[in-house]
Amino acid sequence: MAQKVICVTGPTACGKTHLGILLAQHYGGEIISCDSMQIYRGMEIGTAAPTAEERALAVHHMVGVAEPNEAYSAARFVREADACVQDCLARGHVPILVGGTGLYMDSLVRGGDFAAGCSGGAVRRELTARAEREGIEPLFAELQKIDPDAAARLHPGDEKRVLRALEVYLETGETLTAHNERTRALPPRYDATYIVLSFAEREELRRRIDLRVDKMVEAGLLEEVRALLRSGVSREATAMQAIGFKEFLAVSDGTVTESEAIETVKLRSRQYAKRQLTWLRKNERAHWFYWEKECDFRAALQFSTKILSAEGLS
């Protein structure tokens, strides 16, 4: 039988971290962060990473495990996070997956078998050189012939994903679509109970997101960005493209005002929350808990433990 894990997820600014801690304390569990930006060191303010005080309340894994200059992938995350899950289980502790990066969390639960292909290898370098010489259009046309389903899912100008799909086929002989269909047919690695937090009223979620951004700025987001630059982190690094960091790079450069950047961060954070909710609504196993005006964590814990008890976790 698949081993049991708890998943706490939802859109940004909805209280996932605190509920995860309460569940860890209740079950004697440990938290595995499933956030694609909290993996980086030195970005605690802008990613709303668990504070030192919060990490003292429960064991956390996969927070601050990579340098901001590193190119981190979902495949690497699954490999490293799964080792944490297995270690927890081996010691008799309940793994509690907490975060809002749906791809990371779902891939970890599923046991993501990512398509082979050596990003940065000879094939990718040749494809990249061709894109620079010819533009992405001819390569997208090739993908339409090789893997029309993958091409239909992509924007013609999405160079990164177009090259990845071509790379997989050229290196393995299997299309990305065929690989994904084959892996989806496999049973999940873990038996996951998903607790999804959100707000009953959209305006309340919007207010919470705006408040979180204001608190990040007050806590020193601009200085965090400048510290990353001083440490040698490239402006082009994936980590620096995260919401908040990209906008405050412009503040550091003097090309926008802090007020302008704050409004842009709030807008993009709200747009990101909308995408998170779209992803989560596709999860047929999700148990939704909706906050009203205030976050009643005692009620959320009671809701969660009742569901988990019904699913065999005592």
Protein backbone atom coordinates (compact mmCIF):
# COMPACT_ATOMS: atom_id res chain seq x y z
CA MET A 1 0.00 0.00 0.00
CA ALA A 2 1.11 3.57 -0.68
CA GLN A 3 2.45 5.37 2.38
CA LYS A 4 0.43 8.22 3.88
CA VAL A 5 1.33 11.89 3.49
CA ILE A 6 -0.61 15.06 4.33
CA CYS A 7 -0.71 17.93 1.83
CA VAL A 8 -1.53 21.50 2.92
CA THR A 9 -1.89 23.83 -0.01
CA GLY A 10 -3.82 26.79 -1.38
CA PRO A 11 -3.18 30.19 -2.92
CA THR A 12 -0.57 32.58 -1.60
CA ALA A 13 -1.23 34.31 1.75
CA CYS A 14 -3.85 31.82 2.96
CA GLY A 15 -2.18 30.44 6.10
CA LYS A 16 -0.58 27.22 4.82
CA THR A 17 2.55 27.56 6.93
CA HIS A 18 0.70 27.90 10.24
CA LEU A 19 -1.74 25.06 9.60
CA GLY A 20 1.17 22.86 8.52
CA ILE A 21 2.89 23.55 11.84
CA LEU A 22 -0.27 22.75 13.81
CA LEU A 23 -0.66 19.44 11.98
CA ALA A 24 3.01 18.62 12.52
CA GLN A 25 2.60 19.22 16.23
CA HIS A 26 -0.65 17.21 16.36
CA TYR A 27 0.71 14.16 14.55
CA GLY A 28 4.37 14.36 15.47
CA GLY A 29 5.11 15.09 11.84
CA GLU A 30 7.72 16.99 9.85
CA ILE A 31 7.15 19.59 7.14
CA ILE A 32 8.47 19.27 3.60
CA SER A 33 8.15 22.63 1.87
CA CYS A 34 6.74 22.48 -1.66
CA ASP A 35 7.53 26.01 -2.77
CA SER A 36 9.65 26.61 -5.85
CA MET A 37 11.19 29.80 -4.44
CA GLN A 38 11.59 28.96 -0.74
CA ILE A 39 14.26 26.47 -1.77
CA TYR A 40 16.69 29.39 -2.28
CA ARG A 41 18.86 30.86 0.46
CA GLY A 42 18.84 34.56 1.21
CA MET A 43 15.32 35.13 -0.12
CA GLU A 44 13.33 34.62 3.05
CA ILE A 45 11.45 37.95 3.01
CA GLY A 46 10.34 37.92 -0.61
CA THR A 47 9.29 34.26 -0.58
CA ALA A 48 7.52 34.40 2.82
CA ALA A 49 9.68 31.48 3.94
CA PRO A 50 9.03 30.08 7.44
CA THR A 51 10.71 32.29 10.03
CA ALA A 52 13.23 31.04 12.57
CA GLU A 53 10.46 31.11 15.16
CA GLU A 54 8.15 29.03 12.97
CA ARG A 55 10.90 26.54 12.15
CA ALA A 56 11.51 26.12 15.89
CA LEU A 57 7.91 24.89 16.26
CA ALA A 58 8.26 22.01 13.77
CA VAL A 59 11.00 20.40 11.71
CA HIS A 60 11.12 21.87 8.18
CA HIS A 61 12.80 20.38 5.12
CA MET A 62 13.49 21.84 1.65
CA VAL A 63 13.75 25.46 2.81
CA GLY A 64 16.93 27.34 1.85
CA VAL A 65 18.61 24.31 0.28
CA ALA A 66 19.94 25.92 -2.92
CA GLU A 67 21.94 28.98 -3.90
CA PRO A 68 20.01 31.67 -5.81
CA ASN A 69 22.33 31.31 -8.80
CA GLU A 70 21.47 27.63 -9.23
CA ALA A 71 19.11 26.47 -11.95
CA TYR A 72 16.65 24.36 -9.94
CA SER A 73 14.13 22.04 -11.57
CA ALA A 74 10.98 20.16 -10.58
CA ALA A 75 12.83 16.90 -11.24
CA ARG A 76 15.58 17.83 -8.80
CA PHE A 77 13.01 18.91 -6.24
CA VAL A 78 11.18 15.58 -6.41
CA ARG A 79 14.44 13.68 -6.05
CA GLU A 80 15.61 15.65 -3.00
CA ALA A 81 12.21 16.10 -1.34
CA ASP A 82 11.38 12.42 -1.75
CA ALA A 83 14.54 11.57 0.19
CA CYS A 84 13.19 13.77 3.01
CA VAL A 85 9.79 12.06 2.89
CA GLN A 86 11.36 8.61 3.02
CA ASP A 87 13.58 9.63 5.94
CA CYS A 88 10.54 10.90 7.86
CA LEU A 89 8.62 7.69 7.22
CA ALA A 90 11.59 5.54 8.21
CA ARG A 91 11.69 7.31 11.58
CA GLY A 92 7.94 6.88 12.08
CA HIS A 93 7.08 10.54 11.46
CA VAL A 94 4.25 11.80 9.30
CA PRO A 95 5.42 13.81 6.26
CA ILE A 96 3.41 17.01 5.83
CA LEU A 97 3.82 18.61 2.41
CA VAL A 98 3.18 22.35 2.63
CA GLY A 99 3.26 24.85 -0.20
CA GLY A 100 1.61 26.47 -3.15
CA THR A 101 3.69 25.19 -6.06
CA GLY A 102 1.23 22.66 -7.45
CA LEU A 103 3.65 21.07 -9.91
CA TYR A 104 6.19 20.36 -7.17
CA MET A 105 3.68 18.97 -4.69
CA ASP A 106 1.73 16.84 -7.16
CA SER A 107 4.89 15.49 -8.77
CA LEU A 108 6.24 14.48 -5.37
CA VAL A 109 2.98 12.70 -4.49
CA ARG A 110 2.81 11.02 -7.86
CA GLY A 111 6.48 10.04 -7.79
CA GLY A 112 7.15 12.17 -10.86
CA ASP A 113 9.02 10.29 -13.52
CA PHE A 114 10.28 13.26 -15.48
CA ALA A 115 11.07 12.85 -19.14
CA ALA A 116 14.71 12.16 -19.87
CA GLY A 117 16.77 14.72 -21.71
CA CYS A 118 19.94 16.44 -20.70
CA SER A 119 19.10 20.14 -20.39
CA GLY A 120 22.29 22.01 -21.14
CA GLY A 121 23.67 19.07 -23.08
CA ALA A 122 24.70 18.91 -26.72
CA VAL A 123 21.15 18.62 -28.08
CA ARG A 124 19.90 21.58 -26.05
CA ARG A 125 22.91 23.67 -27.06
CA GLU A 126 22.24 22.97 -30.74
CA LEU A 127 18.54 23.75 -30.38
CA THR A 128 19.36 26.98 -28.55
CA ALA A 129 21.84 27.98 -31.25
CA ARG A 130 19.22 27.29 -33.92
CA ALA A 131 16.67 29.40 -32.07
CA GLU A 132 19.17 32.26 -31.95
CA ARG A 133 19.92 31.94 -35.69
CA GLU A 134 16.45 31.17 -37.05
CA GLY A 135 14.04 32.28 -34.35
CA ILE A 136 11.66 30.00 -32.48
CA GLU A 137 9.07 29.73 -35.27
CA PRO A 138 10.80 26.99 -37.34
CA LEU A 139 11.44 24.95 -34.19
CA PHE A 140 7.82 25.29 -33.13
CA ALA A 141 6.78 24.10 -36.61
CA GLU A 142 8.96 21.01 -36.13
CA LEU A 143 7.34 20.33 -32.78
CA GLN A 144 3.89 20.56 -34.40
CA LYS A 145 4.89 17.70 -36.71
CA ILE A 146 6.64 15.60 -34.04
CA ASP A 147 4.28 16.13 -31.10
CA PRO A 148 1.18 18.07 -32.17
CA ASP A 149 -0.51 17.62 -28.79
CA ALA A 150 2.42 19.20 -26.95
CA ALA A 151 2.56 22.02 -29.49
CA ALA A 152 -1.15 22.69 -29.02
CA ARG A 153 -0.60 23.16 -25.28
CA LEU A 154 2.22 25.67 -25.75
CA HIS A 155 2.37 29.27 -26.83
CA PRO A 156 4.42 29.46 -30.04
CA GLY A 157 6.77 31.94 -28.39
CA ASP A 158 7.43 29.85 -25.25
CA GLU A 159 11.01 29.09 -26.23
CA LYS A 160 11.96 27.27 -23.03
CA ARG A 161 9.16 24.68 -23.26
CA VAL A 162 9.36 24.31 -27.05
CA LEU A 163 13.06 23.48 -26.80
CA ARG A 164 12.42 21.10 -23.90
CA ALA A 165 9.78 19.16 -25.86
CA LEU A 166 12.08 18.86 -28.87
CA GLU A 167 15.01 17.91 -26.65
CA VAL A 168 13.07 15.04 -25.06
CA TYR A 169 12.10 13.59 -28.43
CA LEU A 170 15.55 13.98 -30.02
CA GLU A 171 17.31 12.36 -27.07
CA THR A 172 14.83 9.59 -26.23
CA GLY A 173 12.72 8.95 -29.33
CA GLU A 174 9.58 9.36 -27.18
CA THR A 175 7.42 12.44 -27.38
CA LEU A 176 6.75 14.43 -24.25
CA THR A 177 3.02 13.75 -24.68
CA ALA A 178 3.57 9.99 -24.83
CA HIS A 179 5.79 10.13 -21.76
CA ASN A 180 3.23 12.12 -19.77
CA GLU A 181 0.38 9.78 -20.72
CA ARG A 182 2.42 6.76 -19.68
CA THR A 183 3.41 8.20 -16.31
CA ARG A 184 -0.13 9.41 -15.52
CA ALA A 185 -1.32 5.82 -15.85
CA LEU A 186 0.96 4.72 -13.00
CA PRO A 187 -0.42 4.59 -9.43
CA PRO A 188 0.76 7.47 -7.18
CA ARG A 189 3.79 6.87 -4.98
CA TYR A 190 2.04 8.22 -1.90
CA ASP A 191 -1.47 8.13 -0.46
CA ALA A 192 -2.07 11.86 -0.08
CA THR A 193 -4.81 13.74 1.72
CA TYR A 194 -5.05 17.26 0.33
CA ILE A 195 -6.24 20.07 2.62
CA VAL A 196 -6.76 23.22 0.55
CA LEU A 197 -7.07 26.60 2.26
CA SER A 198 -8.73 29.57 0.62
CA PHE A 199 -11.08 32.46 1.37
CA ALA A 200 -14.83 32.40 0.93
CA GLU A 201 -14.73 35.92 -0.51
CA ARG A 202 -12.33 36.81 -3.32
CA GLU A 203 -11.93 40.34 -1.96
CA GLU A 204 -10.66 38.98 1.34
CA LEU A 205 -7.96 36.98 -0.45
CA ARG A 206 -7.03 40.11 -2.38
CA ARG A 207 -6.79 42.09 0.87
CA ARG A 208 -4.60 39.44 2.49
CA ILE A 209 -2.25 39.36 -0.51
CA ASP A 210 -1.92 43.15 -0.49
CA LEU A 211 -1.24 43.12 3.24
CA ARG A 212 1.43 40.45 2.83
CA VAL A 213 3.20 42.50 0.16
CA ASP A 214 3.15 45.58 2.39
CA LYS A 215 4.67 43.55 5.24
CA MET A 216 7.40 42.20 2.94
CA VAL A 217 8.34 45.72 1.93
CA GLU A 218 8.38 46.88 5.56
CA ALA A 219 10.54 43.87 6.48
CA GLY A 220 13.21 44.90 3.95
CA LEU A 221 12.45 43.35 0.57
CA LEU A 222 14.44 46.01 -1.29
CA GLU A 223 17.50 45.46 0.88
CA GLU A 224 17.15 41.68 0.41
CA VAL A 225 17.26 42.19 -3.37
CA ARG A 226 20.30 44.47 -3.09
CA ALA A 227 22.06 41.97 -0.81
CA LEU A 228 21.54 39.24 -3.41
CA LEU A 229 23.06 41.46 -6.10
CA ARG A 230 26.03 42.32 -3.86
CA SER A 231 26.62 38.62 -3.25
CA GLY A 232 27.03 38.08 -6.99
CA VAL A 233 23.64 36.65 -7.89
CA SER A 234 22.94 37.26 -11.57
CA ARG A 235 20.02 39.46 -12.49
CA GLU A 236 19.10 36.75 -15.01
CA ALA A 237 19.01 33.94 -12.44
CA THR A 238 15.72 32.07 -12.21
CA ALA A 239 15.41 33.04 -8.56
CA MET A 240 15.55 36.73 -9.43
CA GLN A 241 12.57 36.37 -11.76
CA ALA A 242 10.30 35.52 -8.82
CA ILE A 243 7.42 37.86 -8.06
CA GLY A 244 8.73 40.65 -5.88
CA PHE A 245 12.37 40.24 -6.75
CA LYS A 246 12.05 41.15 -10.42
CA GLU A 247 10.01 44.25 -9.64
CA PHE A 248 12.36 45.44 -6.89
CA LEU A 249 15.37 44.95 -9.15
CA ALA A 250 13.85 47.80 -11.14
CA VAL A 251 13.58 49.87 -7.95
CA SER A 252 17.23 49.19 -7.23
CA ASP A 253 18.07 50.32 -10.77
CA GLY A 254 16.03 53.48 -10.32
CA THR A 255 13.80 52.72 -13.33
CA VAL A 256 10.58 52.57 -11.27
CA THR A 257 9.56 53.98 -7.93
CA GLU A 258 8.99 51.81 -4.89
CA SER A 259 5.28 52.67 -4.96
CA GLU A 260 5.02 51.54 -8.58
CA ALA A 261 6.83 48.30 -7.78
CA ILE A 262 4.58 47.59 -4.81
CA GLU A 263 1.44 47.93 -6.93
CA THR A 264 2.93 45.65 -9.61
CA VAL A 265 3.90 43.02 -7.04
CA LYS A 266 0.39 43.09 -5.61
CA LEU A 267 -1.15 42.69 -9.07
CA ARG A 268 1.13 39.82 -10.07
CA SER A 269 0.63 38.11 -6.72
CA ARG A 270 -3.14 38.23 -7.22
CA GLN A 271 -2.73 36.85 -10.74
CA TYR A 272 -0.54 34.06 -9.37
CA ALA A 273 -3.16 33.21 -6.73
CA LYS A 274 -5.74 32.90 -9.49
CA ARG A 275 -3.50 30.44 -11.36
CA GLN A 276 -2.96 28.46 -8.15
CA LEU A 277 -6.71 28.18 -7.61
CA THR A 278 -7.23 27.05 -11.20
CA TRP A 279 -4.65 24.28 -10.68
CA LEU A 280 -6.16 23.19 -7.37
CA ARG A 281 -9.74 23.01 -8.67
CA LYS A 282 -8.62 20.19 -10.95
CA ASN A 283 -7.70 18.06 -7.92
CA GLU A 284 -10.66 15.77 -7.31
CA ARG A 285 -9.20 14.61 -3.98
CA ALA A 286 -8.97 18.08 -2.46
CA HIS A 287 -10.79 18.93 0.76
CA TRP A 288 -11.45 22.68 0.76
CA PHE A 289 -11.54 24.80 3.91
CA TYR A 290 -12.70 28.38 3.39
CA TRP A 291 -11.77 31.19 5.74
CA GLU A 292 -14.23 33.96 6.45
CA LYS A 293 -12.91 37.36 7.57
CA GLU A 294 -10.60 35.85 10.18
CA CYS A 295 -8.42 32.75 9.99
CA ASP A 296 -9.74 30.35 12.63
CA PHE A 297 -6.86 27.88 12.82
CA ARG A 298 -8.50 25.88 15.59
CA ALA A 299 -11.44 25.20 13.26
CA ALA A 300 -9.09 24.43 10.36
CA LEU A 301 -7.17 21.94 12.50
CA GLN A 302 -10.39 20.28 13.62
CA PHE A 303 -11.60 20.09 10.01
CA SER A 304 -8.31 18.56 8.89
CA THR A 305 -7.98 15.97 11.66
CA LYS A 306 -11.56 14.82 11.14
CA ILE A 307 -10.83 14.14 7.46
CA LEU A 308 -7.50 12.51 8.22
CA SER A 309 -9.08 10.28 10.87
CA ALA A 310 -11.67 9.13 8.33
CA GLU A 311 -8.78 8.30 5.98
CA GLY A 312 -7.00 6.19 8.58
CA LEU A 313 -4.58 8.57 10.25
CA SER A 314 -4.93 8.69 14.03
